[in-house]
Amino acid sequence: MDTFVQSLMQDYGVVGIAFLMFLENIFPPIPSEIIMPLAGYQAATGDHSFFSVVIAGTLGSILGILPWYYLGLWFGEERIIRLADRYGRWMTMTAEDVEAADRWFRKYGLWAVLFGRLVPTVRTLISVPAGLSRMPMPTFLFFSAIGTLVWTTGLALAGYLLAQQYELVDQYVGPVSNGVIAIVVLIYIYRVVTFKPSKRSRPIDLQAGDDNRAA
């Protein structure tokens, strides 16, 4: 994987950096913890300016989260609620949980997007509930850009300062990513085992929910 990343950067420069950061959000086995420190190292050796690698990484990453946002936007809350009614245990949520999560995200979603972009694994997935809650695109892009800029700058700066030892960044940040994934899996298993079906006697009136939000 390192060889693929290095060759793409050497052949295509900052365009390669942007493309790799785009892929990182679509294809998780290509982690930003490898891409941006290497880009920072290349900036330290004079191949690129530090500013250009940060901007390229940020733009590529933002483009990479858009498909996830549109997936949530297309899928919509109504489909999620219907799926929760049928497959609630495996989704680990009831229809009421879906509505509660939607209310929470509509209230705190801006901060969830901003800080979520700084957490490995969550960085990509946070785009889905943003789409589900129909967060306005300009707002989503603005807060995503801030979080992404901080993330890419930090990784690139680490690579810039460590120079030839840039791979140390992945050795420290990589386990954090794996730890987050492990925690998510454990929480999922726990919620499946302890899941309690909804006790409501009739379906949620989705139209009424939309009317209330419009009001």
Protein backbone atom coordinates (compact mmCIF):
# COMPACT_ATOMS: atom_id res chain seq x y z
CA MET A 1 0.00 0.00 0.00
CA ASP A 2 2.84 2.41 0.86
CA THR A 3 4.43 1.75 -2.54
CA PHE A 4 1.16 2.53 -4.32
CA VAL A 5 0.77 5.78 -2.39
CA GLN A 6 4.35 6.85 -3.02
CA SER A 7 4.27 6.09 -6.74
CA LEU A 8 1.00 7.96 -7.24
CA MET A 9 2.38 11.03 -5.48
CA GLN A 10 5.63 10.92 -7.42
CA ASP A 11 3.85 10.56 -10.77
CA TYR A 12 1.03 13.07 -10.25
CA GLY A 13 2.18 15.39 -7.47
CA VAL A 14 -0.51 17.33 -5.62
CA VAL A 15 -3.17 15.93 -7.96
CA GLY A 16 -2.14 12.47 -6.76
CA ILE A 17 -2.43 13.64 -3.14
CA ALA A 18 -5.96 14.94 -3.77
CA PHE A 19 -6.94 11.72 -5.54
CA LEU A 20 -5.56 9.55 -2.72
CA MET A 21 -7.45 11.55 -0.10
CA PHE A 22 -10.59 11.16 -2.21
CA LEU A 23 -10.04 7.39 -2.31
CA GLU A 24 -9.39 7.33 1.44
CA ASN A 25 -13.02 8.23 2.06
CA ILE A 26 -14.30 5.68 -0.46
CA PHE A 27 -11.82 2.87 0.12
CA PRO A 28 -10.80 2.84 3.84
CA PRO A 29 -7.71 0.58 3.42
CA ILE A 30 -5.97 3.69 2.02
CA PRO A 31 -5.60 5.71 5.25
CA SER A 32 -4.92 9.43 5.49
CA GLU A 33 -2.47 8.55 8.27
CA ILE A 34 -0.12 7.37 5.52
CA ILE A 35 -1.02 9.81 2.74
CA MET A 36 -0.69 13.18 4.46
CA PRO A 37 2.50 12.51 6.48
CA LEU A 38 4.18 11.38 3.25
CA ALA A 39 2.87 14.52 1.54
CA GLY A 40 4.29 16.57 4.40
CA TYR A 41 7.64 14.84 3.99
CA GLN A 42 7.65 15.67 0.28
CA ALA A 43 6.99 19.29 1.21
CA ALA A 44 9.98 19.18 3.56
CA THR A 45 12.22 17.93 0.73
CA GLY A 46 11.04 20.71 -1.56
CA ASP A 47 8.96 18.61 -3.96
CA HIS A 48 5.85 20.65 -3.14
CA SER A 49 4.96 23.59 -0.94
CA PHE A 50 3.41 22.78 2.42
CA PHE A 51 0.41 24.93 1.55
CA SER A 52 -0.23 23.04 -1.70
CA VAL A 53 -0.20 19.58 -0.09
CA VAL A 54 -2.60 20.69 2.65
CA ILE A 55 -5.02 22.26 0.17
CA ALA A 56 -4.82 19.24 -2.14
CA GLY A 57 -5.44 16.82 0.73
CA THR A 58 -8.33 18.88 2.06
CA LEU A 59 -10.06 19.25 -1.32
CA GLY A 60 -9.66 15.57 -2.13
CA SER A 61 -11.06 14.55 1.24
CA ILE A 62 -14.08 16.85 0.94
CA LEU A 63 -14.87 15.47 -2.52
CA GLY A 64 -14.62 11.97 -1.05
CA ILE A 65 -17.30 12.54 1.58
CA LEU A 66 -19.88 13.91 -0.86
CA PRO A 67 -21.04 10.46 -2.09
CA TRP A 68 -21.78 9.48 1.53
CA TYR A 69 -23.72 12.69 2.12
CA TYR A 70 -25.80 12.13 -1.02
CA LEU A 71 -26.35 8.50 -0.02
CA GLY A 72 -27.95 9.66 3.23
CA LEU A 73 -29.89 12.35 1.39
CA TRP A 74 -31.21 9.86 -1.17
CA PHE A 75 -32.00 7.12 1.35
CA GLY A 76 -33.96 9.41 3.64
CA GLU A 77 -35.39 9.07 7.12
CA GLU A 78 -38.58 7.35 5.97
CA ARG A 79 -36.67 4.37 4.58
CA ILE A 80 -34.58 4.16 7.76
CA ILE A 81 -37.74 4.08 9.90
CA ARG A 82 -39.29 1.35 7.78
CA LEU A 83 -36.11 -0.70 7.98
CA ALA A 84 -36.01 -0.17 11.75
CA ASP A 85 -39.55 -1.55 11.98
CA ARG A 86 -38.50 -4.71 10.13
CA TYR A 87 -34.86 -5.21 11.08
CA GLY A 88 -34.59 -3.22 14.28
CA ARG A 89 -32.47 -5.76 16.14
CA TRP A 90 -29.77 -5.88 13.47
CA MET A 91 -29.88 -2.12 13.04
CA THR A 92 -29.87 -1.87 16.87
CA MET A 93 -32.51 0.85 16.77
CA THR A 94 -36.27 1.24 16.82
CA ALA A 95 -38.24 3.75 14.78
CA GLU A 96 -38.36 5.96 17.87
CA ASP A 97 -34.58 5.75 18.11
CA VAL A 98 -34.31 6.92 14.51
CA GLU A 99 -36.48 9.95 15.22
CA ALA A 100 -34.59 10.72 18.43
CA ALA A 101 -31.28 10.50 16.59
CA ASP A 102 -32.64 12.76 13.87
CA ARG A 103 -33.74 15.36 16.44
CA TRP A 104 -30.33 15.19 18.13
CA PHE A 105 -28.48 15.61 14.85
CA ARG A 106 -30.65 18.53 13.79
CA LYS A 107 -29.71 20.21 17.08
CA TYR A 108 -26.03 19.30 17.38
CA GLY A 109 -25.17 18.13 13.87
CA LEU A 110 -22.94 21.10 13.09
CA TRP A 111 -20.58 20.20 15.91
CA ALA A 112 -20.87 16.49 15.15
CA VAL A 113 -19.69 17.12 11.59
CA LEU A 114 -16.92 19.48 12.69
CA PHE A 115 -15.40 17.25 15.37
CA GLY A 116 -16.37 14.00 13.64
CA ARG A 117 -13.95 14.89 10.85
CA LEU A 118 -11.16 14.65 13.43
CA VAL A 119 -11.97 11.09 14.52
CA PRO A 120 -10.65 8.12 12.52
CA THR A 121 -13.41 6.00 10.91
CA VAL A 122 -16.08 8.47 12.08
CA ARG A 123 -14.59 11.01 9.64
CA THR A 124 -16.34 9.39 6.69
CA LEU A 125 -19.45 7.96 8.34
CA ILE A 126 -20.55 11.28 9.85
CA SER A 127 -21.53 12.38 6.35
CA VAL A 128 -24.40 9.86 6.19
CA PRO A 129 -26.51 11.27 9.07
CA ALA A 130 -25.78 14.75 7.73
CA GLY A 131 -27.47 13.70 4.51
CA LEU A 132 -30.28 11.88 6.31
CA SER A 133 -31.11 15.00 8.32
CA ARG A 134 -30.96 17.08 5.13
CA MET A 135 -28.30 19.40 6.52
CA PRO A 136 -27.94 22.24 3.99
CA MET A 137 -25.05 21.54 1.64
CA PRO A 138 -23.24 24.88 2.25
CA THR A 139 -23.37 24.28 6.01
CA PHE A 140 -22.18 20.69 5.64
CA LEU A 141 -19.30 21.72 3.40
CA PHE A 142 -18.26 24.62 5.63
CA PHE A 143 -17.99 22.63 8.86
CA SER A 144 -16.56 19.60 7.07
CA ALA A 145 -13.90 21.80 5.49
CA ILE A 146 -12.84 23.23 8.85
CA GLY A 147 -12.51 19.81 10.46
CA THR A 148 -10.80 18.36 7.40
CA LEU A 149 -8.34 21.24 7.17
CA VAL A 150 -7.31 20.75 10.80
CA TRP A 151 -6.88 16.99 10.25
CA THR A 152 -4.87 17.22 7.04
CA THR A 153 -2.73 20.07 8.36
CA GLY A 154 -1.88 18.14 11.52
CA LEU A 155 -0.86 15.00 9.64
CA ALA A 156 1.09 16.91 7.00
CA LEU A 157 2.86 18.97 9.66
CA ALA A 158 3.85 15.81 11.50
CA GLY A 159 5.34 14.39 8.30
CA TYR A 160 7.05 17.70 7.56
CA LEU A 161 8.71 17.80 10.99
CA LEU A 162 9.59 14.09 11.15
CA ALA A 163 11.01 14.12 7.59
CA GLN A 164 12.31 10.62 6.73
CA GLN A 165 10.65 9.25 9.87
CA TYR A 166 7.19 10.28 8.65
CA GLU A 167 6.03 6.64 8.89
CA LEU A 168 6.07 7.02 12.69
CA VAL A 169 2.83 8.99 12.37
CA ASP A 170 0.95 5.93 11.14
CA GLN A 171 2.51 3.81 13.89
CA TYR A 172 0.89 6.05 16.50
CA VAL A 173 -2.32 7.13 14.76
CA GLY A 174 -3.01 3.74 13.11
CA PRO A 175 -3.72 1.93 16.40
CA VAL A 176 -6.18 4.70 17.30
CA SER A 177 -8.10 3.97 14.09
CA ASN A 178 -8.12 0.25 14.85
CA GLY A 179 -9.22 0.98 18.41
CA VAL A 180 -12.16 3.07 17.21
CA ILE A 181 -13.25 0.26 14.87
CA ALA A 182 -12.98 -2.30 17.69
CA ILE A 183 -15.06 -0.13 20.02
CA VAL A 184 -17.73 0.35 17.34
CA VAL A 185 -17.93 -3.42 16.77
CA LEU A 186 -18.22 -4.13 20.51
CA ILE A 187 -20.94 -1.52 20.95
CA TYR A 188 -22.83 -2.99 18.00
CA ILE A 189 -22.69 -6.52 19.44
CA TYR A 190 -23.84 -5.26 22.84
CA ARG A 191 -26.78 -3.39 21.30
CA VAL A 192 -27.84 -6.43 19.25
CA VAL A 193 -27.83 -8.63 22.35
CA THR A 194 -29.68 -6.13 24.57
CA PHE A 195 -32.07 -4.82 21.90
CA LYS A 196 -35.69 -4.28 22.99
CA PRO A 197 -38.34 -4.03 20.23
CA SER A 198 -40.57 -1.00 19.98
CA LYS A 199 -43.75 -1.09 22.09
CA ARG A 200 -45.70 1.37 19.97
CA SER A 201 -49.03 0.08 18.70
CA ARG A 202 -49.19 2.02 15.42
CA PRO A 203 -46.69 3.29 12.86
CA ILE A 204 -45.10 6.70 13.28
CA ASP A 205 -46.89 9.36 11.24
CA LEU A 206 -44.02 10.41 9.00
CA GLN A 207 -46.08 13.15 7.35
CA ALA A 208 -46.86 14.68 10.74
CA GLY A 209 -43.17 14.63 11.62
CA ASP A 210 -42.36 16.47 8.42
CA ASP A 211 -45.11 19.03 9.10
CA ASN A 212 -43.76 19.67 12.60
CA ARG A 213 -40.25 20.21 11.29
CA ALA A 214 -41.56 22.55 8.61
CA ALA A 215 -43.38 24.56 11.28
